[in-house]
Amino acid sequence: MSFDLPRNVILPVDAIDVRLDPGPHPFAVSNAEAIAENWRQEITANPALFDGTVVLLSELAYRDNRLAGRCHAVKYSTFLLWRKRRENSGAEHAYAHAVLVAGDNALVAIRMGRHTVNAGRVYFAAGSFEPIDFRDGMVDVDFNMIREVGEETGLDLSTAERGHRYHALSTASGTVIFRQYRVTETADELARRVRAFVAAEAEPEIEGPVIIRGAGDLPDGLMPHMKPLIEWHFGGDR
């Protein structure tokens, strides 16, 4: 199957069948020495990094509004080397975004903390899929979204109104699977709650919330994949 899906276009997704293969990812096996050396360099530059477990894809395809793929658990150190060697690596990255829509239709994103790999970058609260996000070997995208938003912002989206379907955007840097989560609070109230959560954390992952009120309201540090998602939301093409 390899990687077979349209790029740089927002795709409607009705079903997600991405499974966790218990075997090692070929990229991790063939680059073991380079991964170890790169990790030594990474933690010298940023001792706050943690070599946890995430997943990398070895296959992903889009057919009939369905995403199907296979992934493998890898160490974060493997992921960091892959980011530098992604071209022709036989691996790709997928992640999920809960598109947080406030009661006033503004979007609430986050700016990452200074100690993180994506320091200062703006996107919706999110993180890579981890083994905990899989049920019977299949990824639970909504569990990942709710977990990551809770960990980074303190907001509980478990009772929020969810969009009726997923969407996906695949680019050279990865595939983001996203879904709207609507709440009744205004963007200002959500931002206040997030700032309070960050202030109470000993080592917060994020610098704070970022409110986006229109398609042209693009903050400094915005990740490239975010612009089409923002335009999609405010354009009403869902």
C-alpha atoms as a PDB file:
ATOM      1  CA  MET A   1       0.000   0.000   0.000  1.00  0.00           C
ATOM      2  CA  SER A   2       2.837   2.416   0.815  1.00  0.00           C
ATOM      3  CA  PHE A   3       1.662   6.076   0.780  1.00  0.00           C
ATOM      4  CA  ASP A   4      -1.150   6.678  -1.637  1.00  0.00           C
ATOM      5  CA  LEU A   5      -3.332   9.709  -0.970  1.00  0.00           C
ATOM      6  CA  PRO A   6      -3.907  13.143  -2.507  1.00  0.00           C
ATOM      7  CA  ARG A   7      -1.625  15.883  -1.210  1.00  0.00           C
ATOM      8  CA  ASN A   8      -2.352  19.499  -0.346  1.00  0.00           C
ATOM      9  CA  VAL A   9      -6.128  19.147  -0.470  1.00  0.00           C
ATOM     10  CA  ILE A  10      -8.630  18.777   2.374  1.00  0.00           C
ATOM     11  CA  LEU A  11     -10.234  15.331   2.218  1.00  0.00           C
ATOM     12  CA  PRO A  12     -13.521  14.210   3.832  1.00  0.00           C
ATOM     13  CA  VAL A  13     -12.941  11.171   6.047  1.00  0.00           C
ATOM     14  CA  ASP A  14     -15.752   8.923   7.260  1.00  0.00           C
ATOM     15  CA  ALA A  15     -13.637   6.068   8.628  1.00  0.00           C
ATOM     16  CA  ILE A  16     -10.084   5.664   9.942  1.00  0.00           C
ATOM     17  CA  ASP A  17      -8.431   2.247   9.909  1.00  0.00           C
ATOM     18  CA  VAL A  18      -4.862   2.897  11.031  1.00  0.00           C
ATOM     19  CA  ARG A  19      -3.435  -0.082  12.851  1.00  0.00           C
ATOM     20  CA  LEU A  20      -0.446  -0.520  15.139  1.00  0.00           C
ATOM     21  CA  ASP A  21       1.997  -3.144  13.910  1.00  0.00           C
ATOM     22  CA  PRO A  22       3.858  -4.757  16.859  1.00  0.00           C
ATOM     23  CA  GLY A  23       7.034  -5.075  14.804  1.00  0.00           C
ATOM     24  CA  PRO A  24       9.769  -2.429  14.582  1.00  0.00           C
ATOM     25  CA  HIS A  25       9.629   0.267  11.934  1.00  0.00           C
ATOM     26  CA  PRO A  26      12.184  -0.405   9.169  1.00  0.00           C
ATOM     27  CA  PHE A  27      13.468   3.169   9.499  1.00  0.00           C
ATOM     28  CA  ALA A  28      14.336   2.576  13.167  1.00  0.00           C
ATOM     29  CA  VAL A  29      16.143  -0.660  12.383  1.00  0.00           C
ATOM     30  CA  SER A  30      18.234   0.671   9.496  1.00  0.00           C
ATOM     31  CA  ASN A  31      19.203   3.942  11.210  1.00  0.00           C
ATOM     32  CA  ALA A  32      19.930   2.806  14.767  1.00  0.00           C
ATOM     33  CA  GLU A  33      23.439   4.307  15.016  1.00  0.00           C
ATOM     34  CA  ALA A  34      22.424   7.612  13.429  1.00  0.00           C
ATOM     35  CA  ILE A  35      19.418   7.843  15.756  1.00  0.00           C
ATOM     36  CA  ALA A  36      21.628   7.435  18.838  1.00  0.00           C
ATOM     37  CA  GLU A  37      24.139  10.041  17.635  1.00  0.00           C
ATOM     38  CA  ASN A  38      21.450  12.545  16.688  1.00  0.00           C
ATOM     39  CA  TRP A  39      19.776  12.080  20.076  1.00  0.00           C
ATOM     40  CA  ARG A  40      23.029  12.922  21.853  1.00  0.00           C
ATOM     41  CA  GLN A  41      23.154  16.161  19.878  1.00  0.00           C
ATOM     42  CA  GLU A  42      19.491  16.945  20.502  1.00  0.00           C
ATOM     43  CA  ILE A  43      19.626  16.569  24.278  1.00  0.00           C
ATOM     44  CA  THR A  44      22.863  18.558  24.441  1.00  0.00           C
ATOM     45  CA  ALA A  45      21.005  21.427  22.783  1.00  0.00           C
ATOM     46  CA  ASN A  46      17.778  20.860  24.744  1.00  0.00           C
ATOM     47  CA  PRO A  47      18.130  18.758  27.930  1.00  0.00           C
ATOM     48  CA  ALA A  48      14.360  19.020  28.531  1.00  0.00           C
ATOM     49  CA  LEU A  49      13.613  16.555  25.730  1.00  0.00           C
ATOM     50  CA  PHE A  50      12.194  13.183  26.755  1.00  0.00           C
ATOM     51  CA  ASP A  51      12.717  10.017  24.725  1.00  0.00           C
ATOM     52  CA  GLY A  52       9.171   8.740  24.987  1.00  0.00           C
ATOM     53  CA  THR A  53       7.250   6.577  22.541  1.00  0.00           C
ATOM     54  CA  VAL A  54       5.330   7.840  19.494  1.00  0.00           C
ATOM     55  CA  VAL A  55       4.332   6.154  16.255  1.00  0.00           C
ATOM     56  CA  LEU A  56       5.461   6.473  12.637  1.00  0.00           C
ATOM     57  CA  LEU A  57       3.535   5.271   9.610  1.00  0.00           C
ATOM     58  CA  SER A  58       4.855   2.709   7.162  1.00  0.00           C
ATOM     59  CA  GLU A  59       1.663   2.782   5.034  1.00  0.00           C
ATOM     60  CA  LEU A  60      -1.261   5.139   4.458  1.00  0.00           C
ATOM     61  CA  ALA A  61      -3.882   5.275   1.714  1.00  0.00           C
ATOM     62  CA  TYR A  62      -7.144   7.109   1.014  1.00  0.00           C
ATOM     63  CA  ARG A  63     -10.020   5.312  -0.690  1.00  0.00           C
ATOM     64  CA  ASP A  64     -13.764   6.041  -0.683  1.00  0.00           C
ATOM     65  CA  ASN A  65     -13.540   8.616   2.140  1.00  0.00           C
ATOM     66  CA  ARG A  66     -11.533   6.158   4.246  1.00  0.00           C
ATOM     67  CA  LEU A  67      -7.998   6.352   5.603  1.00  0.00           C
ATOM     68  CA  ALA A  68      -6.230   3.019   6.021  1.00  0.00           C
ATOM     69  CA  GLY A  69      -2.684   2.500   7.180  1.00  0.00           C
ATOM     70  CA  ARG A  70      -0.125   0.811   9.349  1.00  0.00           C
ATOM     71  CA  CYS A  71       2.190   2.308  11.940  1.00  0.00           C
ATOM     72  CA  HIS A  72       4.857   1.235  14.403  1.00  0.00           C
ATOM     73  CA  ALA A  73       5.859   2.426  17.854  1.00  0.00           C
ATOM     74  CA  VAL A  74       9.211   4.230  17.832  1.00  0.00           C
ATOM     75  CA  LYS A  75      11.203   6.244  20.333  1.00  0.00           C
ATOM     76  CA  TYR A  76      11.003  10.017  20.103  1.00  0.00           C
ATOM     77  CA  SER A  77      14.702  10.014  19.234  1.00  0.00           C
ATOM     78  CA  THR A  78      13.818   8.031  16.097  1.00  0.00           C
ATOM     79  CA  PHE A  79      11.126  10.568  15.223  1.00  0.00           C
ATOM     80  CA  LEU A  80      13.578  13.461  15.548  1.00  0.00           C
ATOM     81  CA  LEU A  81      16.051  11.888  13.120  1.00  0.00           C
ATOM     82  CA  TRP A  82      13.226  11.039  10.740  1.00  0.00           C
ATOM     83  CA  ARG A  83      12.230  14.726  10.672  1.00  0.00           C
ATOM     84  CA  LYS A  84      15.659  15.465   9.216  1.00  0.00           C
ATOM     85  CA  ARG A  85      15.628  12.551   6.747  1.00  0.00           C
ATOM     86  CA  ARG A  86      11.946  12.167   5.864  1.00  0.00           C
ATOM     87  CA  GLU A  87      12.402  12.242   2.102  1.00  0.00           C
ATOM     88  CA  ASN A  88      12.474   8.671   0.719  1.00  0.00           C
ATOM     89  CA  SER A  89      12.592   7.334   4.285  1.00  0.00           C
ATOM     90  CA  GLY A  90       9.744   4.855   3.911  1.00  0.00           C
ATOM     91  CA  ALA A  91       8.047   6.555   6.872  1.00  0.00           C
ATOM     92  CA  GLU A  92       5.495   9.307   7.355  1.00  0.00           C
ATOM     93  CA  HIS A  93       3.873  11.049  10.292  1.00  0.00           C
ATOM     94  CA  ALA A  94       0.167  11.417  11.072  1.00  0.00           C
ATOM     95  CA  TYR A  95      -1.328  13.390  13.933  1.00  0.00           C
ATOM     96  CA  ALA A  96      -4.718  14.747  14.958  1.00  0.00           C
ATOM     97  CA  HIS A  97      -6.162  18.203  15.624  1.00  0.00           C
ATOM     98  CA  ALA A  98      -9.253  18.994  17.614  1.00  0.00           C
ATOM     99  CA  VAL A  99     -10.304  22.215  15.884  1.00  0.00           C
ATOM    100  CA  LEU A 100     -11.557  24.057  18.975  1.00  0.00           C
ATOM    101  CA  VAL A 101     -14.488  26.302  18.003  1.00  0.00           C
ATOM    102  CA  ALA A 102     -15.695  28.748  20.651  1.00  0.00           C
ATOM    103  CA  GLY A 103     -19.280  29.890  21.064  1.00  0.00           C
ATOM    104  CA  ASP A 104     -18.501  33.070  19.124  1.00  0.00           C
ATOM    105  CA  ASN A 105     -17.100  30.969  16.210  1.00  0.00           C
ATOM    106  CA  ALA A 106     -13.503  32.012  16.914  1.00  0.00           C
ATOM    107  CA  LEU A 107     -10.821  29.304  16.973  1.00  0.00           C
ATOM    108  CA  VAL A 108      -8.599  28.702  19.981  1.00  0.00           C
ATOM    109  CA  ALA A 109      -5.109  27.408  19.211  1.00  0.00           C
ATOM    110  CA  ILE A 110      -1.923  27.320  21.320  1.00  0.00           C
ATOM    111  CA  ARG A 111       1.645  28.558  21.126  1.00  0.00           C
ATOM    112  CA  MET A 112       4.211  25.938  22.122  1.00  0.00           C
ATOM    113  CA  GLY A 113       6.577  26.478  25.040  1.00  0.00           C
ATOM    114  CA  ARG A 114      10.174  27.565  24.658  1.00  0.00           C
ATOM    115  CA  HIS A 115      11.625  24.228  25.828  1.00  0.00           C
ATOM    116  CA  THR A 116       9.798  22.179  23.193  1.00  0.00           C
ATOM    117  CA  VAL A 117      10.926  21.092  19.723  1.00  0.00           C
ATOM    118  CA  ASN A 118       8.288  23.370  18.147  1.00  0.00           C
ATOM    119  CA  ALA A 119       9.038  26.328  20.410  1.00  0.00           C
ATOM    120  CA  GLY A 120       6.944  29.372  19.554  1.00  0.00           C
ATOM    121  CA  ARG A 121       4.930  27.648  16.822  1.00  0.00           C
ATOM    122  CA  VAL A 122       1.151  28.017  16.715  1.00  0.00           C
ATOM    123  CA  TYR A 123      -1.299  25.180  16.010  1.00  0.00           C
ATOM    124  CA  PHE A 124      -4.243  23.449  17.637  1.00  0.00           C
ATOM    125  CA  ALA A 125      -3.312  21.597  20.826  1.00  0.00           C
ATOM    126  CA  ALA A 126      -2.070  18.220  19.656  1.00  0.00           C
ATOM    127  CA  GLY A 127       0.550  15.535  19.911  1.00  0.00           C
ATOM    128  CA  SER A 128       1.754  12.506  18.015  1.00  0.00           C
ATOM    129  CA  PHE A 129      -0.200   9.283  18.332  1.00  0.00           C
ATOM    130  CA  GLU A 130       1.116   7.098  21.129  1.00  0.00           C
ATOM    131  CA  PRO A 131       0.450   3.419  21.899  1.00  0.00           C
ATOM    132  CA  ILE A 132      -2.086   4.526  24.546  1.00  0.00           C
ATOM    133  CA  ASP A 133      -4.237   5.948  21.730  1.00  0.00           C
ATOM    134  CA  PHE A 134      -4.908   2.526  20.194  1.00  0.00           C
ATOM    135  CA  ARG A 135      -7.830   0.212  20.981  1.00  0.00           C
ATOM    136  CA  ASP A 136      -7.476  -3.419  19.907  1.00  0.00           C
ATOM    137  CA  GLY A 137      -4.664  -2.327  17.634  1.00  0.00           C
ATOM    138  CA  MET A 138      -6.624   0.470  15.910  1.00  0.00           C
ATOM    139  CA  VAL A 139      -6.104   4.184  16.517  1.00  0.00           C
ATOM    140  CA  ASP A 140      -8.793   6.032  18.491  1.00  0.00           C
ATOM    141  CA  VAL A 141      -8.380   9.516  17.019  1.00  0.00           C
ATOM    142  CA  ASP A 142     -10.906  11.224  19.296  1.00  0.00           C
ATOM    143  CA  PHE A 143      -9.252   9.764  22.395  1.00  0.00           C
ATOM    144  CA  ASN A 144      -5.949  11.223  21.217  1.00  0.00           C
ATOM    145  CA  MET A 145      -7.524  14.635  20.537  1.00  0.00           C
ATOM    146  CA  ILE A 146      -9.247  14.862  23.915  1.00  0.00           C
ATOM    147  CA  ARG A 147      -6.167  13.578  25.763  1.00  0.00           C
ATOM    148  CA  GLU A 148      -3.765  16.017  24.143  1.00  0.00           C
ATOM    149  CA  VAL A 149      -6.035  19.045  24.568  1.00  0.00           C
ATOM    150  CA  GLY A 150      -6.499  18.159  28.229  1.00  0.00           C
ATOM    151  CA  GLU A 151      -2.788  17.683  28.869  1.00  0.00           C
ATOM    152  CA  GLU A 152      -1.758  20.938  27.173  1.00  0.00           C
ATOM    153  CA  THR A 153      -4.623  23.301  28.038  1.00  0.00           C
ATOM    154  CA  GLY A 154      -6.576  21.772  30.914  1.00  0.00           C
ATOM    155  CA  LEU A 155      -9.778  21.897  28.835  1.00  0.00           C
ATOM    156  CA  ASP A 156     -12.016  18.818  28.830  1.00  0.00           C
ATOM    157  CA  LEU A 157     -13.576  18.286  25.403  1.00  0.00           C
ATOM    158  CA  SER A 158     -15.214  14.956  26.216  1.00  0.00           C
ATOM    159  CA  THR A 159     -18.700  16.505  26.217  1.00  0.00           C
ATOM    160  CA  ALA A 160     -18.115  19.025  23.413  1.00  0.00           C
ATOM    161  CA  GLU A 161     -20.199  18.847  20.236  1.00  0.00           C
ATOM    162  CA  ARG A 162     -18.168  17.012  17.584  1.00  0.00           C
ATOM    163  CA  GLY A 163     -18.248  17.588  13.863  1.00  0.00           C
ATOM    164  CA  HIS A 164     -20.167  14.878  12.034  1.00  0.00           C
ATOM    165  CA  ARG A 165     -17.062  13.668  10.192  1.00  0.00           C
ATOM    166  CA  TYR A 166     -13.285  13.891  10.143  1.00  0.00           C
ATOM    167  CA  HIS A 167     -11.204  15.614   7.502  1.00  0.00           C
ATOM    168  CA  ALA A 168      -7.559  15.168   6.574  1.00  0.00           C
ATOM    169  CA  LEU A 169      -4.851  17.253   4.965  1.00  0.00           C
ATOM    170  CA  SER A 170      -1.736  15.474   3.736  1.00  0.00           C
ATOM    171  CA  THR A 171       1.407  17.439   2.860  1.00  0.00           C
ATOM    172  CA  ALA A 172       5.090  16.664   2.460  1.00  0.00           C
ATOM    173  CA  SER A 173       5.545  17.164   6.205  1.00  0.00           C
ATOM    174  CA  GLY A 174       2.781  14.807   7.348  1.00  0.00           C
ATOM    175  CA  THR A 175      -0.933  14.085   7.479  1.00  0.00           C
ATOM    176  CA  VAL A 176      -3.192  15.907   9.910  1.00  0.00           C
ATOM    177  CA  ILE A 177      -6.560  14.362  10.741  1.00  0.00           C
ATOM    178  CA  PHE A 178      -8.903  16.961  12.165  1.00  0.00           C
ATOM    179  CA  ARG A 179     -12.406  17.405  13.505  1.00  0.00           C
ATOM    180  CA  GLN A 180     -14.340  20.343  14.892  1.00  0.00           C
ATOM    181  CA  TYR A 181     -15.092  20.413  18.605  1.00  0.00           C
ATOM    182  CA  ARG A 182     -17.632  23.119  19.488  1.00  0.00           C
ATOM    183  CA  VAL A 183     -18.150  24.542  22.971  1.00  0.00           C
ATOM    184  CA  THR A 184     -20.463  27.266  24.274  1.00  0.00           C
ATOM    185  CA  GLU A 185     -17.869  29.465  25.991  1.00  0.00           C
ATOM    186  CA  THR A 186     -16.476  32.461  24.145  1.00  0.00           C
ATOM    187  CA  ALA A 187     -12.905  32.430  22.916  1.00  0.00           C
ATOM    188  CA  ASP A 188     -11.918  34.982  25.579  1.00  0.00           C
ATOM    189  CA  GLU A 189     -13.306  32.763  28.343  1.00  0.00           C
ATOM    190  CA  LEU A 190     -11.522  29.688  26.973  1.00  0.00           C
ATOM    191  CA  ALA A 191      -8.271  31.642  26.723  1.00  0.00           C
ATOM    192  CA  ARG A 192      -8.650  32.787  30.329  1.00  0.00           C
ATOM    193  CA  ARG A 193      -9.081  29.197  31.484  1.00  0.00           C
ATOM    194  CA  VAL A 194      -6.058  28.037  29.470  1.00  0.00           C
ATOM    195  CA  ARG A 195      -3.861  30.826  30.845  1.00  0.00           C
ATOM    196  CA  ALA A 196      -4.886  29.879  34.387  1.00  0.00           C
ATOM    197  CA  PHE A 197      -4.011  26.242  33.725  1.00  0.00           C
ATOM    198  CA  VAL A 198      -0.604  27.149  32.263  1.00  0.00           C
ATOM    199  CA  ALA A 199       0.178  29.427  35.208  1.00  0.00           C
ATOM    200  CA  ALA A 200      -0.508  26.592  37.655  1.00  0.00           C
ATOM    201  CA  GLU A 201       1.679  24.041  35.841  1.00  0.00           C
ATOM    202  CA  ALA A 202       5.262  23.484  36.999  1.00  0.00           C
ATOM    203  CA  GLU A 203       6.461  22.675  33.457  1.00  0.00           C
ATOM    204  CA  PRO A 204       3.721  23.654  30.983  1.00  0.00           C
ATOM    205  CA  GLU A 205       4.014  22.371  27.430  1.00  0.00           C
ATOM    206  CA  ILE A 206       2.581  25.548  25.959  1.00  0.00           C
ATOM    207  CA  GLU A 207       3.264  29.243  26.270  1.00  0.00           C
ATOM    208  CA  GLY A 208      -0.431  30.083  26.135  1.00  0.00           C
ATOM    209  CA  PRO A 209      -3.594  30.282  24.007  1.00  0.00           C
ATOM    210  CA  VAL A 210      -3.925  32.000  20.634  1.00  0.00           C
ATOM    211  CA  ILE A 211      -7.334  33.223  19.459  1.00  0.00           C
ATOM    212  CA  ILE A 212      -8.000  33.273  15.702  1.00  0.00           C
ATOM    213  CA  ARG A 213     -11.076  35.302  14.730  1.00  0.00           C
ATOM    214  CA  GLY A 214     -11.055  35.144  10.937  1.00  0.00           C
ATOM    215  CA  ALA A 215      -9.448  33.642   7.842  1.00  0.00           C
ATOM    216  CA  GLY A 216      -7.037  36.572   7.620  1.00  0.00           C
ATOM    217  CA  ASP A 217      -6.174  36.546  11.320  1.00  0.00           C
ATOM    218  CA  LEU A 218      -2.952  34.564  10.995  1.00  0.00           C
ATOM    219  CA  PRO A 219      -0.652  34.863  14.038  1.00  0.00           C
ATOM    220  CA  ASP A 220       3.139  34.930  13.934  1.00  0.00           C
ATOM    221  CA  GLY A 221       4.632  31.457  14.199  1.00  0.00           C
ATOM    222  CA  LEU A 222       1.664  29.731  12.566  1.00  0.00           C
ATOM    223  CA  MET A 223       2.544  26.244  11.334  1.00  0.00           C
ATOM    224  CA  PRO A 224       2.117  26.017   7.528  1.00  0.00           C
ATOM    225  CA  HIS A 225      -0.591  23.344   7.675  1.00  0.00           C
ATOM    226  CA  MET A 226      -2.797  25.597   9.823  1.00  0.00           C
ATOM    227  CA  LYS A 227      -3.631  28.196   7.169  1.00  0.00           C
ATOM    228  CA  PRO A 228      -5.798  25.882   5.032  1.00  0.00           C
ATOM    229  CA  LEU A 229      -7.565  24.576   8.158  1.00  0.00           C
ATOM    230  CA  ILE A 230      -8.379  28.125   9.260  1.00  0.00           C
ATOM    231  CA  GLU A 231      -9.615  29.047   5.792  1.00  0.00           C
ATOM    232  CA  TRP A 232     -11.701  25.843   5.703  1.00  0.00           C
ATOM    233  CA  HIS A 233     -13.391  26.718   8.992  1.00  0.00           C
ATOM    234  CA  PHE A 234     -14.207  30.322   8.235  1.00  0.00           C
ATOM    235  CA  GLY A 235     -15.073  29.538   4.615  1.00  0.00           C
ATOM    236  CA  GLY A 236     -17.843  27.216   5.733  1.00  0.00           C
ATOM    237  CA  ASP A 237     -16.841  24.499   3.233  1.00  0.00           C
ATOM    238  CA  ARG A 238     -17.464  21.492   5.459  1.00  0.00           C
END
